[in-house]
Amino acid sequence: MIRVSIVGASGYVGGELLRLLLRHPQVHIHQATSERLAGKPVTGPHPHLRGVTDLTFTSQSELEACDVLILALPHGSAAKKIAQYAALAPRIID
């Protein structure tokens, strides 16, 4: 299984990534971050995932190592923090 984490998973793009990747047979969503919704279920902003996952949002400060880290952040935000994320995953998708 490929462990994938999504930074900024509470937005539209994050929700679509979750929808697609939660159904992928070789992917395990390791973490999904949202600063505003940390500790709350991902099904709050993404009701289409009800019955599909019981995943909760975590804060970016709680990110753990994973195989692939996807940055679903607003334009320009990822570039400012790329060095911080580089230590967490061998592959980063922005």
Protein backbone atom coordinates (compact mmCIF):
# COMPACT_ATOMS: atom_id res chain seq x y z
CA MET A 1 0.00 0.00 0.00
CA ILE A 2 1.15 3.52 -0.79
CA ARG A 3 0.75 5.85 2.20
CA VAL A 4 -0.55 9.20 0.97
CA SER A 5 -1.08 12.37 3.00
CA ILE A 6 -2.92 15.43 1.70
CA VAL A 7 -2.10 18.90 3.00
CA GLY A 8 -5.08 21.22 2.62
CA ALA A 9 -7.62 18.44 2.34
CA SER A 10 -10.64 20.49 3.44
CA GLY A 11 -10.95 22.42 0.16
CA TYR A 12 -12.51 21.42 -3.13
CA VAL A 13 -9.34 19.89 -4.61
CA GLY A 14 -8.58 18.07 -1.36
CA GLY A 15 -12.09 16.61 -1.34
CA GLU A 16 -11.76 15.38 -4.91
CA LEU A 17 -8.39 13.82 -4.13
CA LEU A 18 -9.89 12.07 -1.12
CA ARG A 19 -12.84 10.85 -3.21
CA LEU A 20 -10.54 9.33 -5.83
CA LEU A 21 -7.78 8.00 -3.59
CA LEU A 22 -10.02 6.44 -0.92
CA ARG A 23 -11.33 4.11 -3.61
CA HIS A 24 -7.90 3.23 -5.00
CA PRO A 25 -6.94 -0.35 -4.09
CA GLN A 26 -3.23 0.43 -3.64
CA VAL A 27 -3.55 3.67 -1.64
CA HIS A 28 -3.97 4.25 2.07
CA ILE A 29 -4.79 7.83 3.09
CA HIS A 30 -2.41 8.27 5.99
CA GLN A 31 -3.36 11.85 6.94
CA ALA A 32 -5.47 14.74 5.70
CA THR A 33 -4.72 18.18 7.08
CA SER A 34 -6.80 21.24 7.82
CA GLU A 35 -5.76 23.85 10.35
CA ARG A 36 -9.31 25.11 10.81
CA LEU A 37 -10.90 21.66 11.08
CA ALA A 38 -8.18 19.68 12.90
CA GLY A 39 -9.75 16.92 15.00
CA LYS A 40 -13.02 16.96 13.04
CA PRO A 41 -14.19 14.35 10.54
CA VAL A 42 -13.44 14.87 6.85
CA THR A 43 -17.11 14.16 6.16
CA GLY A 44 -18.04 17.60 7.52
CA PRO A 45 -16.88 19.62 4.50
CA HIS A 46 -17.07 16.53 2.26
CA PRO A 47 -20.48 14.88 2.91
CA HIS A 48 -20.05 12.76 -0.24
CA LEU A 49 -17.49 10.72 1.75
CA ARG A 50 -19.97 9.64 4.45
CA GLY A 51 -19.91 5.88 4.72
CA VAL A 52 -16.60 5.76 2.83
CA THR A 53 -14.17 6.88 5.56
CA ASP A 54 -13.94 7.74 9.25
CA LEU A 55 -10.78 9.83 8.71
CA THR A 56 -10.35 13.00 10.76
CA PHE A 57 -8.35 16.09 9.86
CA THR A 58 -5.01 16.70 11.52
CA SER A 59 -2.94 19.83 11.85
CA GLN A 60 0.08 20.29 9.58
CA SER A 61 2.25 20.28 12.69
CA GLU A 62 1.21 16.64 13.24
CA LEU A 63 2.24 15.42 9.78
CA GLU A 64 4.13 12.14 9.80
CA ALA A 65 6.33 10.53 7.18
CA CYS A 66 4.51 9.05 4.19
CA ASP A 67 5.26 7.75 0.70
CA VAL A 68 3.56 10.57 -1.20
CA LEU A 69 2.62 14.02 0.09
CA ILE A 70 0.11 16.00 -1.95
CA LEU A 71 -0.10 19.75 -1.40
CA ALA A 72 -3.64 20.98 -2.14
CA LEU A 73 -2.96 24.48 -0.91
CA PRO A 74 -3.97 27.89 -2.28
CA HIS A 75 -1.83 29.25 -5.10
CA GLY A 76 1.64 30.24 -3.91
CA SER A 77 1.27 28.78 -0.40
CA ALA A 78 3.09 25.53 -1.09
CA ALA A 79 6.21 27.18 -2.49
CA LYS A 80 6.81 29.00 0.77
CA LYS A 81 6.83 25.76 2.77
CA ILE A 82 8.30 23.22 0.36
CA ALA A 83 11.52 22.76 2.35
CA GLN A 84 9.47 21.95 5.46
CA TYR A 85 7.53 19.26 3.59
CA ALA A 86 10.52 17.76 1.77
CA ALA A 87 11.64 15.84 4.84
CA LEU A 88 8.27 14.07 5.15
CA ALA A 89 8.00 12.24 1.84
CA PRO A 90 10.22 11.06 -1.01
CA ARG A 91 7.58 12.38 -3.45
CA ILE A 92 5.72 15.66 -3.19
CA ILE A 93 2.97 16.65 -5.61
CA ASP A 94 1.98 20.29 -5.79
